[in-house]
Structures are given as C-alpha cells and as structure tokens.
N, C-alpha and C. Protein backbone atom coordinates (compact mmCIF):
# COMPACT_ATOMS: atom_id res chain seq x y z
N MET A 1 -14.67 0.16 10.23
CA MET A 1 -13.07 0.55 10.34
C MET A 1 -12.93 1.95 9.92
N ARG A 2 -13.16 2.33 8.69
CA ARG A 2 -13.13 3.54 8.51
C ARG A 2 -13.40 4.58 9.38
N ASP A 3 -14.52 4.38 10.06
CA ASP A 3 -14.71 5.57 11.13
C ASP A 3 -13.92 5.45 12.13
N ALA A 4 -13.34 4.49 12.54
CA ALA A 4 -12.58 4.39 13.70
C ALA A 4 -11.27 5.00 13.20
N ILE A 5 -10.98 4.89 12.35
CA ILE A 5 -9.17 5.17 11.59
C ILE A 5 -9.86 6.89 11.32
N TYR A 6 -10.66 7.30 10.63
CA TYR A 6 -10.65 8.90 10.75
C TYR A 6 -11.49 9.70 11.48
N GLN A 7 -12.15 9.33 12.02
CA GLN A 7 -13.01 9.82 13.16
C GLN A 7 -12.29 9.65 14.41
N ASP A 8 -12.09 8.45 14.84
CA ASP A 8 -11.57 8.40 16.64
C ASP A 8 -10.15 8.39 16.25
N GLY A 9 -9.70 8.35 15.22
CA GLY A 9 -8.07 8.77 15.24
C GLY A 9 -7.54 7.03 15.40
N VAL A 10 -7.75 6.16 15.37
CA VAL A 10 -7.59 4.81 15.64
C VAL A 10 -6.23 4.10 14.77
N ASP A 11 -5.26 3.95 15.19
CA ASP A 11 -3.81 3.71 14.55
C ASP A 11 -4.00 2.14 14.03
N LEU A 12 -4.90 1.81 13.12
CA LEU A 12 -5.32 0.47 12.45
C LEU A 12 -4.23 0.01 11.28
N LEU A 13 -3.61 -0.85 12.01
CA LEU A 13 -2.04 -1.55 11.19
C LEU A 13 -2.57 -2.85 10.04
N GLY A 14 -3.91 -3.29 10.77
CA GLY A 14 -4.43 -4.43 9.73
C GLY A 14 -5.74 -4.95 9.91
N TYR A 15 -6.06 -5.78 9.34
CA TYR A 15 -7.24 -6.40 9.46
C TYR A 15 -7.53 -7.85 9.19
N THR A 16 -8.15 -8.77 9.95
CA THR A 16 -8.14 -10.09 9.63
C THR A 16 -9.44 -10.45 9.84
N THR A 17 -10.02 -11.62 9.26
CA THR A 17 -11.33 -11.99 9.15
C THR A 17 -11.25 -13.05 10.49
N TRP A 18 -12.58 -13.65 10.45
CA TRP A 18 -12.37 -14.94 11.69
C TRP A 18 -12.05 -16.15 10.82
N GLY A 19 -12.51 -16.12 9.69
CA GLY A 19 -12.02 -17.72 9.11
C GLY A 19 -12.67 -17.67 7.82
N CYS A 20 -11.98 -18.39 6.82
CA CYS A 20 -12.56 -18.21 5.61
C CYS A 20 -13.81 -19.30 4.81
N ILE A 21 -13.61 -20.14 5.80
CA ILE A 21 -15.05 -20.89 5.49
C ILE A 21 -15.58 -21.08 6.71
N ASP A 22 -16.97 -21.89 6.42
CA ASP A 22 -18.01 -21.78 7.52
C ASP A 22 -17.41 -22.91 8.12
N PRO A 23 -17.64 -22.63 9.59
CA PRO A 23 -16.87 -23.37 10.69
C PRO A 23 -17.84 -24.68 10.85
N VAL A 24 -17.07 -25.43 11.51
CA VAL A 24 -17.69 -26.76 11.91
C VAL A 24 -17.68 -26.65 13.74
N SER A 25 -18.38 -26.69 14.16
CA SER A 25 -18.24 -26.46 15.84
C SER A 25 -17.24 -27.85 16.25
N ALA A 26 -16.45 -27.63 17.05
CA ALA A 26 -15.40 -28.89 17.61
C ALA A 26 -16.24 -29.58 18.51
N GLY A 27 -17.18 -28.70 19.50
CA GLY A 27 -17.83 -29.41 20.32
C GLY A 27 -18.98 -30.63 19.99
N THR A 28 -19.68 -29.82 19.11
CA THR A 28 -20.96 -30.60 18.73
C THR A 28 -20.98 -30.87 17.51
N GLY A 29 -20.09 -30.57 16.47
CA GLY A 29 -20.14 -30.99 14.95
C GLY A 29 -21.29 -30.24 14.14
N GLU A 30 -21.83 -29.02 14.99
CA GLU A 30 -22.97 -28.30 14.28
C GLU A 30 -22.38 -27.30 13.34
N MET A 31 -23.27 -27.17 12.47
CA MET A 31 -22.93 -26.07 11.12
C MET A 31 -23.70 -24.86 11.33
N ASN A 32 -24.09 -24.03 12.41
CA ASN A 32 -24.94 -23.33 12.47
C ASN A 32 -24.44 -22.09 11.93
N LYS A 33 -23.39 -21.68 12.47
CA LYS A 33 -22.88 -20.63 12.07
C LYS A 33 -22.09 -20.47 10.83
N ARG A 34 -22.42 -19.52 9.90
CA ARG A 34 -22.15 -19.53 8.19
C ARG A 34 -21.60 -18.03 8.32
N TYR A 35 -20.36 -17.94 8.56
CA TYR A 35 -19.60 -16.51 8.70
C TYR A 35 -18.35 -16.73 7.72
N GLY A 36 -18.18 -17.62 6.92
CA GLY A 36 -17.19 -17.53 6.15
C GLY A 36 -17.40 -17.21 5.10
N PHE A 37 -16.52 -17.03 3.80
CA PHE A 37 -16.42 -16.32 2.70
C PHE A 37 -16.91 -17.64 1.84
N ILE A 38 -16.55 -18.68 2.36
CA ILE A 38 -16.74 -20.18 1.24
C ILE A 38 -17.86 -20.71 2.10
N TYR A 39 -19.03 -21.07 1.48
CA TYR A 39 -20.23 -22.15 2.10
C TYR A 39 -19.63 -23.16 2.29
N VAL A 40 -20.05 -24.32 2.82
CA VAL A 40 -19.82 -25.70 2.93
C VAL A 40 -21.09 -26.61 3.01
N ASP A 41 -21.23 -27.42 2.15
CA ASP A 41 -22.56 -27.67 2.01
C ASP A 41 -22.72 -29.29 3.18
N ARG A 42 -23.23 -28.80 4.11
CA ARG A 42 -23.09 -29.99 5.33
C ARG A 42 -24.01 -28.99 6.30
N ASP A 43 -24.86 -29.81 6.85
CA ASP A 43 -26.03 -29.47 7.64
C ASP A 43 -25.42 -29.94 9.13
N ASN A 44 -26.43 -29.38 10.16
CA ASN A 44 -26.07 -30.31 11.59
C ASN A 44 -26.07 -31.70 11.81
N VAL A 45 -26.95 -32.42 11.22
CA VAL A 45 -27.01 -33.87 11.61
C VAL A 45 -26.35 -34.52 10.25
N GLY A 46 -25.31 -33.97 9.92
CA GLY A 46 -24.28 -34.65 8.56
C GLY A 46 -24.79 -34.48 7.23
N ASN A 47 -25.89 -34.07 7.01
CA ASN A 47 -26.37 -34.27 5.61
C ASN A 47 -25.42 -33.66 4.89
N GLY A 48 -25.21 -33.76 3.40
CA GLY A 48 -24.26 -32.77 2.77
C GLY A 48 -23.09 -33.52 2.28
N VAL A 49 -22.45 -32.96 1.02
CA VAL A 49 -21.21 -33.69 0.50
C VAL A 49 -20.25 -32.79 0.60
N LEU A 50 -20.10 -32.08 1.65
CA LEU A 50 -18.79 -31.08 1.99
C LEU A 50 -18.60 -30.22 0.69
N LYS A 51 -19.26 -29.95 -0.34
CA LYS A 51 -18.74 -29.08 -1.33
C LYS A 51 -18.69 -27.91 -0.74
N ARG A 52 -17.54 -27.00 -1.27
CA ARG A 52 -17.07 -25.53 -1.07
C ARG A 52 -17.49 -25.01 -2.61
N SER A 53 -18.49 -23.44 -1.96
CA SER A 53 -18.84 -22.70 -2.70
C SER A 53 -18.47 -21.15 -2.29
N LYS A 54 -18.08 -20.48 -3.03
CA LYS A 54 -17.59 -18.98 -2.53
C LYS A 54 -18.99 -18.05 -2.57
N LYS A 55 -18.82 -17.49 -1.62
CA LYS A 55 -20.18 -16.64 -1.42
C LYS A 55 -19.83 -15.35 -2.03
N LYS A 56 -20.61 -14.40 -1.63
CA LYS A 56 -20.50 -12.78 -2.48
C LYS A 56 -19.31 -12.35 -1.52
N SER A 57 -19.45 -12.51 -0.04
CA SER A 57 -18.43 -11.75 0.62
C SER A 57 -17.19 -12.39 0.25
N PHE A 58 -16.85 -13.21 -0.30
CA PHE A 58 -15.53 -13.70 -0.89
C PHE A 58 -15.13 -13.09 -1.78
N TYR A 59 -15.73 -12.22 -3.27
CA TYR A 59 -15.49 -11.76 -3.72
C TYR A 59 -15.17 -9.94 -3.24
N TRP A 60 -16.00 -10.06 -2.36
CA TRP A 60 -15.93 -8.39 -1.78
C TRP A 60 -14.52 -8.13 -1.24
N TYR A 61 -14.08 -9.54 -0.17
CA TYR A 61 -12.72 -9.49 0.79
C TYR A 61 -11.83 -9.41 -0.67
N LYS A 62 -11.91 -10.39 -1.47
CA LYS A 62 -10.76 -10.49 -2.43
C LYS A 62 -10.39 -8.71 -3.48
N ASP A 63 -11.43 -8.17 -3.55
CA ASP A 63 -11.44 -6.85 -3.74
C ASP A 63 -10.73 -5.84 -2.71
N VAL A 64 -11.20 -6.06 -1.62
CA VAL A 64 -10.73 -5.35 -0.62
C VAL A 64 -8.91 -5.33 -0.58
N ILE A 65 -8.77 -7.00 -0.91
CA ILE A 65 -7.25 -7.23 -0.79
C ILE A 65 -6.66 -6.83 -1.92
N ASP A 66 -7.18 -6.80 -3.11
CA ASP A 66 -6.80 -6.29 -4.44
C ASP A 66 -6.27 -4.59 -4.27
N SER A 67 -7.37 -4.17 -3.84
CA SER A 67 -7.02 -2.57 -3.82
C SER A 67 -6.42 -2.14 -2.57
N ASN A 68 -5.86 -2.99 -1.69
CA ASN A 68 -5.54 -2.44 -0.21
C ASN A 68 -6.42 -1.77 0.42
N GLY A 69 -7.26 -2.10 0.50
CA GLY A 69 -8.59 -1.35 1.23
C GLY A 69 -9.07 -0.11 0.83
N ALA A 70 -8.57 0.59 -0.57
CA ALA A 70 -8.95 1.63 -1.25
C ALA A 70 -10.73 1.45 -1.28
N SER A 71 -11.23 0.13 -2.04
CA SER A 71 -12.38 0.06 -2.48
C SER A 71 -13.73 0.17 -1.46
N ILE A 72 -13.27 0.17 0.49
CA ILE A 72 -13.96 0.26 1.36
C ILE A 72 -14.58 1.64 1.27
N GLU A 73 -15.92 0.96 1.24
CA GLU A 73 -16.79 2.85 1.57
C GLU A 73 -17.54 2.74 2.90
C-alpha cells in the first residue's frame, strides 16, 4: 500500500480487510482458508469446539488502527 501511495501516486482513502475471523465455506463447510485475525478451532470434518483465539495479525492490525497507519513500514 505504501509503495502504491508514494511511488505510484495512488490516492488511497482507506483500507479494509477481507474478514476478521477464519471463514467457514458457505458451500462446503470447509475451514481450509485461515486468513482472519481470529483463529477458529474447527477443522474440515467438524472437529473442534469453535473456540476463538487472537492471532499475531490481530495485534498487528490493532496497532495499524491505533496509529492511524503510521506504524506500517
């Protein structure tokens, strides 16, 4: 993002993430994709108790928000 702004002159107004928790596939119920900030204790066959745990990326994004983006390097 920083390169797009400073090198390419992109007029970036904001940034949002795909989702905050690991998604469950609506079609298959699979949990293969783990790109949320919060891990969900569930596997593709339904094992797990659905406990949610904050990932390192949760704290990274929190810092980005708290610093209004100044912490991004």
